[in-house]
Amino acid sequence: MIDASNSETRAYEFALNSDDRQVTVCGSAQAGLTILGDLRPDVVVAALDTPDLPGLRLFEAIRHRAPSTPVVLVAANATAEGAVLAIRAGATDYLGRPISPGLLSEKVVRALTHARTRRQLHEAQREAGDKWGFTQLLSLSPRMVTVFDAIRKVAGTDATVLVRGETGTGKELVARAIHDRSRRRAKNLISVNCGAFTESLLESELFGHEKGGFTGAVGRRAGVFEMADGGSLFLDELGDTSLNVQVNLLRVLEEFRFRRVGGTEQVSVDVRIIAATNVDLENAVHDGRFREDLFYRLNVFPITLPPLRERPEDIPILTRHFLMDAAKEYELEPPTVTPEAMEIILRYRWPGNVRQLRALCERWVIQCAGRELRAQDLPAELTVRGRPTEDAAGLFIDDGATLPQLTERIVLQVERAYLDKLLNRNRGHLIQTAAAAGITRRTLFTRMKALGLNAADYK
């Protein structure tokens, strides 16, 4: 806690101290900055009226030394304009004096809880990335952590995997992550978009053909099943195939033998199948458009990818990643996104999911290289407001909220999902859940009450 005034400091220190928290008080900005690197605090409370570094200059210095540490700013003469500037600069909270010790304690506890939740999710993703190579599947979403866990479990087996999700959610990236963690990683991962071929051409693409097998077949050609021998085969958009192709696929998946188009020789292969579709296969089976036996053969280990609109906490990090990636590819300076532009980006429904966001980021790099990406630079479809839409956690993300309010809601959504997962794992046992979260039982109870969680629901 960096504070220029000693008159209130003792009361604040008493309110913030607890069994699981230790408070260090610094009487000047320079003293606080000197020990910041050694202490590595979980949260900093900083006064903006320190004589040696007044105003936001202190906050900027803290940010430079500890960029990821939450900072609660306290101002003697708080103004609405000052609050906007502080939040836009990245402050966790902005409070005006006089402040009750209880309110300060509440704000600090919230900052600590949010920071811990984010750290746990970062660690979960980093562990997955370090151990299993999920370097392209960037996410802070608890739902995606579940996907990472499923990939980890199935990768070491040869089980057939069915990846389901809307177009553009990253199904091929999941296939790549599974293959790269499998015993087949030294061999090929061959991908084919089954929806891009007519029925006759798809059979040739899958199984190959002999010379004269059909008009234009001037020589023998291996299909993707042969090319993937010993490795993995990713069959994308499988729900769009014809019933005839489905019959042939089922036979191959059961026997791993087939004949090339126009041939008589049986070709045997050793291939791991990863299939993907955006089609509701259960409805397709019911309507007679997809074979039930093939569905069961494919649906051995299903993985479902959530659409981007149901994991809005991932939008800022994906936007930054895609902007940097495109800037590197085109050898341009990446633009910086203004808060107003990010607010609009967060509200948008993203029907094309991650693929749509990536394509737009490439456009923005070319359009706004080296300068700010402003609200007026965004395409019209992003800026037109529709009805308020509800995300997976029941939080409205298109109701006119400001960027700090949207960010707060996203953090609360992540915190709620994280505690819900821990409570499930520990069957509602509060002491065990608190220990797993790294907080006291009292803090856990307070956060559960605020988030609408009841331990009785997990018994």
Protein backbone atom coordinates (compact mmCIF):
# COMPACT_ATOMS: atom_id res chain seq x y z
CA MET A 1 0.00 0.00 0.00
CA ILE A 2 1.56 3.26 -1.19
CA ASP A 3 0.01 6.24 0.60
CA ALA A 4 1.12 9.79 1.09
CA SER A 5 -1.07 10.39 4.16
CA ASN A 6 -0.44 8.72 7.54
CA SER A 7 -3.70 9.85 9.13
CA GLU A 8 -5.81 7.18 7.47
CA THR A 9 -3.14 4.58 6.83
CA ARG A 10 -3.40 2.83 10.20
CA ALA A 11 -7.16 2.29 9.82
CA TYR A 12 -6.70 1.00 6.27
CA GLU A 13 -3.89 -1.32 7.34
CA PHE A 14 -6.01 -2.75 10.17
CA ALA A 15 -8.96 -3.32 7.81
CA LEU A 16 -6.86 -5.03 5.14
CA ASN A 17 -4.83 -7.30 7.44
CA SER A 18 -6.19 -10.81 7.93
CA ASP A 19 -5.06 -14.40 8.41
CA ASP A 20 -4.47 -14.86 4.69
CA ARG A 21 -3.26 -11.35 3.81
CA GLN A 22 -0.17 -9.38 4.75
CA VAL A 23 -0.07 -5.60 4.24
CA THR A 24 3.09 -3.61 3.63
CA VAL A 25 2.77 0.19 3.97
CA CYS A 26 5.10 2.58 2.15
CA GLY A 27 5.10 6.25 3.04
CA SER A 28 6.21 7.48 -0.40
CA ALA A 29 5.96 6.53 -4.04
CA GLN A 30 9.69 5.96 -4.38
CA ALA A 31 9.79 3.66 -1.34
CA GLY A 32 6.96 1.58 -2.75
CA LEU A 33 8.50 1.34 -6.21
CA THR A 34 11.85 0.32 -4.70
CA ILE A 35 10.44 -2.77 -2.98
CA LEU A 36 7.80 -3.59 -5.61
CA GLY A 37 9.99 -6.02 -7.53
CA ASP A 38 11.13 -7.91 -4.43
CA LEU A 39 7.68 -8.14 -2.79
CA ARG A 40 5.73 -9.09 -5.93
CA PRO A 41 2.41 -8.16 -4.25
CA ASP A 42 -0.93 -9.63 -5.29
CA VAL A 43 -2.51 -6.15 -5.33
CA VAL A 44 -1.29 -2.56 -4.91
CA VAL A 45 -3.31 0.28 -3.34
CA ALA A 46 -1.78 3.57 -4.48
CA ALA A 47 -2.61 7.17 -3.61
CA LEU A 48 -2.48 9.63 -6.49
CA ASP A 49 -1.41 12.53 -4.26
CA THR A 50 2.08 11.36 -3.27
CA PRO A 51 4.37 14.41 -3.36
CA ASP A 52 7.28 12.67 -5.09
CA LEU A 53 5.22 11.16 -7.94
CA PRO A 54 1.72 12.67 -8.14
CA GLY A 55 -1.16 11.75 -10.42
CA LEU A 56 -1.13 8.87 -12.87
CA ARG A 57 2.66 9.03 -13.09
CA LEU A 58 2.79 6.73 -10.06
CA PHE A 59 0.37 4.31 -11.66
CA GLU A 60 2.42 4.28 -14.88
CA ALA A 61 5.56 3.51 -12.86
CA ILE A 62 3.80 0.63 -11.08
CA ARG A 63 2.55 -0.71 -14.41
CA HIS A 64 6.08 -0.58 -15.82
CA ARG A 65 7.49 -2.64 -12.91
CA ALA A 66 4.52 -4.98 -12.35
CA PRO A 67 2.37 -5.00 -15.50
CA SER A 68 0.03 -7.78 -14.39
CA THR A 69 -0.52 -6.69 -10.76
CA PRO A 70 -4.01 -5.27 -10.00
CA VAL A 71 -3.85 -1.64 -8.83
CA VAL A 72 -6.54 0.15 -6.82
CA LEU A 73 -6.10 3.92 -7.10
CA VAL A 74 -7.14 6.39 -4.40
CA ALA A 75 -7.62 10.07 -5.21
CA ALA A 76 -8.08 12.96 -2.80
CA ASN A 77 -10.07 14.94 -5.36
CA ALA A 78 -11.75 12.22 -7.39
CA THR A 79 -13.49 13.23 -10.60
CA ALA A 80 -15.46 11.35 -13.24
CA GLU A 81 -12.84 12.31 -15.80
CA GLY A 82 -10.09 10.97 -13.54
CA ALA A 83 -11.96 7.70 -13.11
CA VAL A 84 -12.32 7.26 -16.88
CA LEU A 85 -8.61 7.98 -17.43
CA ALA A 86 -7.58 5.59 -14.65
CA ILE A 87 -9.75 2.70 -15.85
CA ARG A 88 -8.69 3.21 -19.46
CA ALA A 89 -5.06 3.16 -18.32
CA GLY A 90 -5.68 -0.25 -16.76
CA ALA A 91 -6.45 0.45 -13.09
CA THR A 92 -8.58 -2.19 -11.36
CA ASP A 93 -10.55 0.42 -9.39
CA TYR A 94 -10.61 4.17 -8.70
CA LEU A 95 -11.82 5.47 -5.32
CA GLY A 96 -12.24 8.99 -3.99
CA ARG A 97 -11.40 10.08 -0.46
CA PRO A 98 -12.73 9.86 2.13
CA ILE A 99 -13.02 6.07 1.90
CA SER A 100 -14.35 3.83 4.62
CA PRO A 101 -11.89 1.08 5.59
CA GLY A 102 -14.65 -1.44 4.95
CA LEU A 103 -15.16 -0.27 1.34
CA LEU A 104 -11.43 -0.34 0.66
CA SER A 105 -11.22 -3.85 2.10
CA GLU A 106 -14.10 -4.97 -0.11
CA LYS A 107 -12.43 -3.55 -3.24
CA VAL A 108 -9.10 -5.16 -2.37
CA VAL A 109 -10.71 -8.56 -1.71
CA ARG A 110 -12.47 -8.38 -5.07
CA ALA A 111 -9.22 -7.46 -6.84
CA LEU A 112 -7.42 -10.34 -5.11
CA THR A 113 -10.15 -12.82 -5.99
CA HIS A 114 -10.25 -11.76 -9.64
CA ALA A 115 -6.47 -11.83 -9.91
CA ARG A 116 -6.31 -15.29 -8.36
CA THR A 117 -9.01 -16.59 -10.68
CA ARG A 118 -7.24 -15.22 -13.73
CA ARG A 119 -3.93 -16.65 -12.50
CA GLN A 120 -5.45 -20.10 -11.97
CA LEU A 121 -6.91 -20.08 -15.47
CA HIS A 122 -3.63 -18.81 -16.96
CA GLU A 123 -1.77 -21.57 -15.12
CA ALA A 124 -4.23 -24.19 -16.32
CA GLN A 125 -3.79 -23.05 -19.90
CA ARG A 126 0.00 -22.75 -19.57
CA GLU A 127 0.20 -26.25 -18.10
CA ALA A 128 -1.86 -27.55 -20.99
CA GLY A 129 0.26 -25.63 -23.48
CA ASP A 130 3.58 -26.66 -21.99
CA LYS A 131 2.63 -30.28 -21.60
CA TRP A 132 0.35 -30.86 -24.56
CA GLY A 133 1.26 -28.13 -27.03
CA PHE A 134 -2.03 -26.21 -27.24
CA THR A 135 -0.12 -23.21 -28.53
CA GLN A 136 -2.73 -22.24 -31.15
CA LEU A 137 -5.80 -22.72 -28.95
CA LEU A 138 -5.58 -19.48 -26.99
CA SER A 139 -8.21 -19.23 -24.28
CA LEU A 140 -9.02 -18.15 -20.74
CA SER A 141 -12.46 -19.76 -20.86
CA PRO A 142 -13.25 -22.56 -18.40
CA ARG A 143 -15.17 -24.29 -21.21
CA MET A 144 -12.03 -24.35 -23.34
CA VAL A 145 -9.97 -25.66 -20.42
CA THR A 146 -12.43 -28.58 -20.47
CA VAL A 147 -11.68 -29.04 -24.18
CA PHE A 148 -7.94 -29.05 -23.44
CA ASP A 149 -8.51 -31.72 -20.82
CA ALA A 150 -10.47 -33.85 -23.32
CA ILE A 151 -7.67 -33.52 -25.89
CA ARG A 152 -5.12 -34.56 -23.28
CA LYS A 153 -7.13 -37.66 -22.38
CA VAL A 154 -7.81 -38.91 -25.90
CA ALA A 155 -4.55 -37.95 -27.65
CA GLY A 156 -2.58 -40.96 -26.41
CA THR A 157 -5.18 -43.42 -27.68
CA ASP A 158 -6.24 -44.38 -31.20
CA ALA A 159 -9.92 -43.70 -30.48
CA THR A 160 -11.98 -42.05 -33.21
CA VAL A 161 -12.79 -38.46 -32.28
CA LEU A 162 -15.80 -36.43 -33.42
CA VAL A 163 -15.22 -32.67 -33.09
CA ARG A 164 -18.45 -30.69 -33.17
CA GLY A 165 -19.01 -26.97 -33.33
CA GLU A 166 -20.07 -24.08 -35.51
CA THR A 167 -18.07 -23.06 -38.56
CA GLY A 168 -14.93 -21.16 -37.62
CA THR A 169 -14.57 -22.37 -34.02
CA GLY A 170 -11.22 -24.10 -34.61
CA LYS A 171 -12.07 -27.76 -35.21
CA GLU A 172 -8.98 -28.35 -37.35
CA LEU A 173 -6.77 -26.85 -34.61
CA VAL A 174 -8.21 -29.44 -32.22
CA ALA A 175 -7.39 -32.20 -34.72
CA ARG A 176 -3.84 -30.88 -34.99
CA ALA A 177 -3.46 -30.77 -31.19
CA ILE A 178 -4.66 -34.39 -30.90
CA HIS A 179 -2.33 -35.61 -33.65
CA ASP A 180 0.68 -33.72 -32.30
CA ARG A 181 0.25 -35.35 -28.88
CA SER A 182 -0.35 -38.86 -30.25
CA ARG A 183 2.03 -41.72 -30.95
CA ARG A 184 1.42 -40.98 -34.66
CA ARG A 185 2.91 -37.47 -34.53
CA ALA A 186 5.95 -38.48 -36.60
CA LYS A 187 3.61 -39.37 -39.49
CA ASN A 188 1.25 -37.19 -41.53
CA LEU A 189 -1.97 -35.49 -40.47
CA ILE A 190 -3.94 -35.28 -43.72
CA SER A 191 -6.99 -33.00 -43.86
CA VAL A 192 -9.83 -33.10 -46.37
CA ASN A 193 -12.96 -30.94 -46.54
CA CYS A 194 -15.62 -33.44 -47.50
CA GLY A 195 -18.12 -30.69 -48.31
CA ALA A 196 -15.89 -29.27 -51.06
CA PHE A 197 -16.27 -32.23 -53.47
CA THR A 198 -19.03 -33.82 -55.50
CA GLU A 199 -19.86 -37.41 -54.59
CA SER A 200 -17.71 -39.00 -57.32
CA LEU A 201 -14.75 -36.70 -56.75
CA LEU A 202 -14.92 -37.20 -52.98
CA GLU A 203 -14.66 -40.99 -53.36
CA SER A 204 -11.57 -40.52 -55.53
CA GLU A 205 -10.15 -38.02 -53.01
CA LEU A 206 -10.72 -40.43 -50.12
CA PHE A 207 -9.84 -43.78 -51.68
CA GLY A 208 -7.80 -42.90 -54.77
CA HIS A 209 -8.37 -44.31 -58.24
CA GLU A 210 -6.83 -46.58 -60.85
CA LYS A 211 -6.04 -45.58 -64.41
CA GLY A 212 -9.27 -45.54 -66.36
CA GLY A 213 -11.35 -45.70 -63.19
CA PHE A 214 -13.44 -42.82 -64.55
CA THR A 215 -13.28 -40.33 -67.39
CA GLY A 216 -10.08 -38.32 -67.05
CA ALA A 217 -8.31 -40.80 -64.76
CA VAL A 218 -5.06 -41.06 -66.73
CA GLY A 219 -3.10 -42.86 -64.05
CA ARG A 220 -3.17 -44.38 -60.58
CA ARG A 221 -3.63 -41.86 -57.74
CA ALA A 222 -3.47 -42.49 -54.00
CA GLY A 223 -6.31 -41.15 -51.86
CA VAL A 224 -6.03 -39.44 -48.49
CA PHE A 225 -6.53 -42.73 -46.61
CA GLU A 226 -3.33 -44.06 -48.19
CA MET A 227 -1.47 -40.77 -47.71
CA ALA A 228 -2.37 -40.80 -44.01
CA ASP A 229 -1.24 -44.40 -43.46
CA GLY A 230 0.46 -44.62 -40.08
CA GLY A 231 -0.79 -41.14 -39.18
CA SER A 232 -4.10 -39.36 -38.74
CA LEU A 233 -6.87 -38.37 -41.14
CA PHE A 234 -9.03 -35.31 -40.45
CA LEU A 235 -12.39 -35.55 -42.22
CA ASP A 236 -13.96 -32.09 -42.04
CA GLU A 237 -17.62 -31.28 -42.79
CA LEU A 238 -18.47 -34.96 -42.72
CA GLY A 239 -22.15 -34.18 -42.17
CA ASP A 240 -22.41 -32.92 -45.76
CA THR A 241 -21.53 -36.25 -47.40
CA SER A 242 -23.99 -38.35 -49.42
CA LEU A 243 -25.44 -41.63 -48.14
CA ASN A 244 -23.42 -43.56 -50.73
CA VAL A 245 -20.16 -42.07 -49.51
CA GLN A 246 -21.25 -42.76 -45.93
CA VAL A 247 -21.70 -46.47 -46.73
CA ASN A 248 -18.16 -46.68 -48.09
CA LEU A 249 -16.75 -44.72 -45.16
CA LEU A 250 -18.43 -47.01 -42.66
CA ARG A 251 -16.91 -50.06 -44.34
CA VAL A 252 -13.43 -48.53 -44.24
CA LEU A 253 -13.78 -47.48 -40.58
CA GLU A 254 -14.79 -51.00 -39.62
CA GLU A 255 -12.18 -52.90 -41.67
CA PHE A 256 -9.53 -50.28 -42.59
CA ARG A 257 -9.49 -51.80 -46.04
CA PHE A 258 -10.86 -50.42 -49.31
CA ARG A 259 -10.59 -50.55 -53.10
CA ARG A 260 -9.49 -47.61 -55.16
CA VAL A 261 -12.11 -46.29 -57.59
CA GLY A 262 -11.98 -48.57 -60.63
CA GLY A 263 -9.71 -51.07 -58.89
CA THR A 264 -10.00 -54.63 -57.57
CA GLU A 265 -7.04 -54.75 -55.18
CA GLN A 266 -7.77 -54.42 -51.45
CA VAL A 267 -5.65 -51.71 -49.83
CA SER A 268 -5.07 -51.94 -46.07
CA VAL A 269 -4.22 -48.85 -43.98
CA ASP A 270 -3.50 -47.97 -40.36
CA VAL A 271 -5.16 -44.60 -39.81
CA ARG A 272 -6.51 -42.68 -36.82
CA ILE A 273 -9.76 -40.88 -37.74
CA ILE A 274 -10.67 -37.42 -36.46
CA ALA A 275 -13.96 -36.22 -37.92
CA ALA A 276 -15.64 -32.83 -37.65
CA THR A 277 -18.98 -31.30 -38.51
CA ASN A 278 -21.16 -28.28 -37.86
CA VAL A 279 -24.28 -30.31 -38.68
CA ASP A 280 -26.63 -31.56 -35.97
CA LEU A 281 -26.01 -35.24 -36.69
CA GLU A 282 -28.78 -36.47 -34.39
CA ASN A 283 -31.33 -34.51 -36.43
CA ALA A 284 -29.66 -35.65 -39.65
CA VAL A 285 -30.00 -39.27 -38.53
CA HIS A 286 -33.65 -38.67 -37.63
CA ASP A 287 -34.31 -37.11 -41.05
CA GLY A 288 -32.52 -39.93 -42.90
CA ARG A 289 -29.68 -37.70 -44.16
CA PHE A 290 -26.98 -39.43 -42.12
CA ARG A 291 -26.51 -43.12 -41.38
CA GLU A 292 -27.11 -44.02 -37.76
CA ASP A 293 -24.47 -46.76 -37.75
CA LEU A 294 -21.84 -44.36 -39.09
CA PHE A 295 -22.79 -41.78 -36.47
CA TYR A 296 -22.21 -44.30 -33.67
CA ARG A 297 -18.92 -45.38 -35.27
CA LEU A 298 -17.69 -41.79 -35.35
CA ASN A 299 -19.05 -40.63 -32.00
CA VAL A 300 -16.63 -42.68 -29.88
CA PHE A 301 -15.09 -39.64 -28.20
CA PRO A 302 -16.99 -36.39 -28.87
CA ILE A 303 -15.46 -32.95 -28.29
CA THR A 304 -17.69 -29.88 -28.60
CA LEU A 305 -16.21 -26.45 -29.23
CA PRO A 306 -18.20 -23.48 -27.88
CA PRO A 307 -18.87 -20.56 -30.23
CA LEU A 308 -16.92 -17.36 -29.63
CA ARG A 309 -20.01 -15.50 -28.36
CA GLU A 310 -20.18 -17.96 -25.43
CA ARG A 311 -16.60 -17.24 -24.36
CA PRO A 312 -16.31 -13.44 -24.60
CA GLU A 313 -13.39 -13.43 -22.15
CA ASP A 314 -11.29 -14.80 -25.03
CA ILE A 315 -12.07 -11.97 -27.47
CA PRO A 316 -9.46 -9.44 -26.18
CA ILE A 317 -6.58 -11.96 -26.09
CA LEU A 318 -7.50 -13.43 -29.48
CA THR A 319 -7.74 -9.95 -30.98
CA ARG A 320 -4.29 -9.03 -29.68
CA HIS A 321 -2.83 -12.34 -30.88
CA PHE A 322 -4.30 -12.07 -34.38
CA LEU A 323 -3.24 -8.44 -34.75
CA MET A 324 0.33 -9.32 -33.78
CA ASP A 325 0.32 -12.39 -36.02
CA ALA A 326 -0.94 -10.47 -39.06
CA ALA A 327 1.45 -7.59 -38.41
CA LYS A 328 4.37 -10.02 -38.42
CA GLU A 329 3.15 -11.70 -41.60
CA TYR A 330 2.70 -8.41 -43.49
CA GLU A 331 5.75 -6.75 -41.88
CA LEU A 332 3.65 -3.88 -40.52
CA GLU A 333 3.20 -2.24 -37.12
CA PRO A 334 0.16 -3.64 -35.31
CA PRO A 335 -2.57 -1.13 -34.42
CA THR A 336 -3.62 -0.46 -30.82
CA VAL A 337 -7.31 -0.97 -30.08
CA THR A 338 -9.08 1.92 -28.37
CA PRO A 339 -11.45 1.12 -25.47
CA GLU A 340 -14.42 2.28 -27.56
CA ALA A 341 -13.48 -0.10 -30.38
CA MET A 342 -12.93 -3.02 -28.01
CA GLU A 343 -16.31 -2.32 -26.41
CA ILE A 344 -17.97 -2.78 -29.82
CA ILE A 345 -15.89 -5.87 -30.60
CA LEU A 346 -16.95 -7.43 -27.29
CA ARG A 347 -20.65 -6.79 -27.96
CA TYR A 348 -20.70 -8.33 -31.42
CA ARG A 349 -22.16 -11.84 -31.81
CA TRP A 350 -19.39 -13.17 -34.15
CA PRO A 351 -21.44 -15.56 -36.32
CA GLY A 352 -18.23 -16.59 -38.11
CA ASN A 353 -16.51 -17.21 -34.77
CA VAL A 354 -12.71 -17.19 -34.43
CA ARG A 355 -12.18 -17.42 -38.20
CA GLN A 356 -14.19 -14.22 -38.73
CA LEU A 357 -12.27 -12.39 -35.98
CA ARG A 358 -8.94 -13.46 -37.46
CA ALA A 359 -9.90 -12.28 -40.95
CA LEU A 360 -10.99 -8.89 -39.62
CA CYS A 361 -7.76 -8.54 -37.62
CA GLU A 362 -5.79 -9.00 -40.84
CA ARG A 363 -7.87 -6.26 -42.44
CA TRP A 364 -7.33 -3.95 -39.46
CA VAL A 365 -3.56 -4.42 -39.57
CA ILE A 366 -3.49 -3.35 -43.23
CA GLN A 367 -6.00 -0.57 -42.67
CA CYS A 368 -4.65 0.89 -39.39
CA ALA A 369 -0.99 -0.17 -39.25
CA GLY A 370 0.92 1.76 -36.62
CA ARG A 371 -2.02 3.79 -35.32
CA GLU A 372 -5.12 3.38 -33.20
CA LEU A 373 -7.99 1.15 -34.29
CA ARG A 374 -10.99 3.36 -33.51
CA ALA A 375 -14.70 2.72 -33.41
CA GLN A 376 -15.15 4.46 -36.77
CA ASP A 377 -12.64 2.06 -38.35
CA LEU A 378 -14.84 -0.97 -37.62
CA PRO A 379 -17.12 -2.39 -40.35
CA ALA A 380 -20.80 -1.47 -40.23
CA GLU A 381 -21.96 -4.96 -39.24
CA LEU A 382 -20.04 -4.69 -35.96
CA THR A 383 -21.37 -1.27 -35.04
CA VAL A 384 -25.08 -1.87 -35.70
CA ARG A 385 -26.75 -2.69 -32.40
CA GLY A 386 -29.32 -5.44 -32.25
CA ARG A 387 -31.35 -6.84 -29.41
CA PRO A 388 -29.48 -7.46 -26.16
CA THR A 389 -28.01 -10.95 -26.36
CA GLU A 390 -27.36 -13.30 -23.50
CA ASP A 391 -24.17 -15.31 -23.25
CA ALA A 392 -23.77 -18.81 -21.83
CA ALA A 393 -23.57 -17.57 -18.25
CA GLY A 394 -26.74 -15.49 -18.57
CA LEU A 395 -24.89 -12.16 -18.64
CA PHE A 396 -26.06 -9.50 -21.09
CA ILE A 397 -23.21 -8.32 -23.26
CA ASP A 398 -25.05 -5.88 -25.56
CA ASP A 399 -27.05 -3.61 -23.26
CA GLY A 400 -25.08 -0.38 -23.54
CA ALA A 401 -22.56 -1.23 -20.84
CA THR A 402 -19.22 0.58 -20.76
CA LEU A 403 -15.95 -1.28 -21.33
CA PRO A 404 -15.12 -1.42 -17.58
CA GLN A 405 -18.60 -2.82 -16.92
CA LEU A 406 -18.20 -5.43 -19.67
CA THR A 407 -14.79 -6.38 -18.32
CA GLU A 408 -16.22 -6.72 -14.82
CA ARG A 409 -18.97 -9.02 -16.08
CA ILE A 410 -16.50 -11.18 -17.95
CA VAL A 411 -14.30 -11.50 -14.86
CA LEU A 412 -17.34 -12.43 -12.75
CA GLN A 413 -18.33 -15.04 -15.33
CA VAL A 414 -14.85 -16.58 -15.25
CA GLU A 415 -14.78 -16.48 -11.43
CA ARG A 416 -18.20 -18.13 -11.17
CA ALA A 417 -17.27 -20.89 -13.63
CA TYR A 418 -13.99 -21.53 -11.81
CA LEU A 419 -15.61 -21.79 -8.36
CA ASP A 420 -18.42 -23.91 -9.80
CA LYS A 421 -15.81 -26.37 -11.14
CA LEU A 422 -14.01 -26.52 -7.77
CA LEU A 423 -17.27 -26.99 -5.86
CA ASN A 424 -18.24 -29.82 -8.21
CA ARG A 425 -14.87 -31.47 -7.75
CA ASN A 426 -15.09 -31.22 -3.95
CA ARG A 427 -18.82 -32.00 -3.76
CA GLY A 428 -19.63 -28.73 -2.05
CA HIS A 429 -17.09 -29.15 0.77
CA LEU A 430 -16.21 -25.55 1.59
CA ILE A 431 -12.91 -26.12 3.41
CA GLN A 432 -11.53 -28.29 0.60
CA THR A 433 -12.82 -25.88 -2.06
CA ALA A 434 -11.30 -22.87 -0.29
CA ALA A 435 -7.96 -24.68 -0.01
CA ALA A 436 -8.03 -25.54 -3.73
CA ALA A 437 -8.80 -21.91 -4.59
CA GLY A 438 -6.14 -20.57 -2.23
CA ILE A 439 -8.56 -18.43 -0.21
CA THR A 440 -10.10 -18.57 3.25
CA ARG A 441 -13.42 -20.28 3.91
CA ARG A 442 -14.92 -16.91 4.82
CA THR A 443 -13.81 -15.34 1.54
CA LEU A 444 -15.14 -18.34 -0.38
CA PHE A 445 -18.51 -18.04 1.35
CA THR A 446 -18.65 -14.31 0.55
CA ARG A 447 -17.83 -14.87 -3.13
CA MET A 448 -20.29 -17.75 -3.43
CA LYS A 449 -23.05 -15.56 -2.03
CA ALA A 450 -22.19 -12.75 -4.44
CA LEU A 451 -22.11 -15.16 -7.41
CA GLY A 452 -25.29 -17.03 -6.50
CA LEU A 453 -23.58 -20.34 -5.70
CA ASN A 454 -24.96 -22.68 -3.02
CA ALA A 455 -22.89 -25.48 -1.50
CA ALA A 456 -26.02 -27.62 -1.08
CA ASP A 457 -26.37 -27.85 -4.85
CA TYR A 458 -23.09 -29.81 -5.07
CA LYS A 459 -23.74 -32.52 -2.47
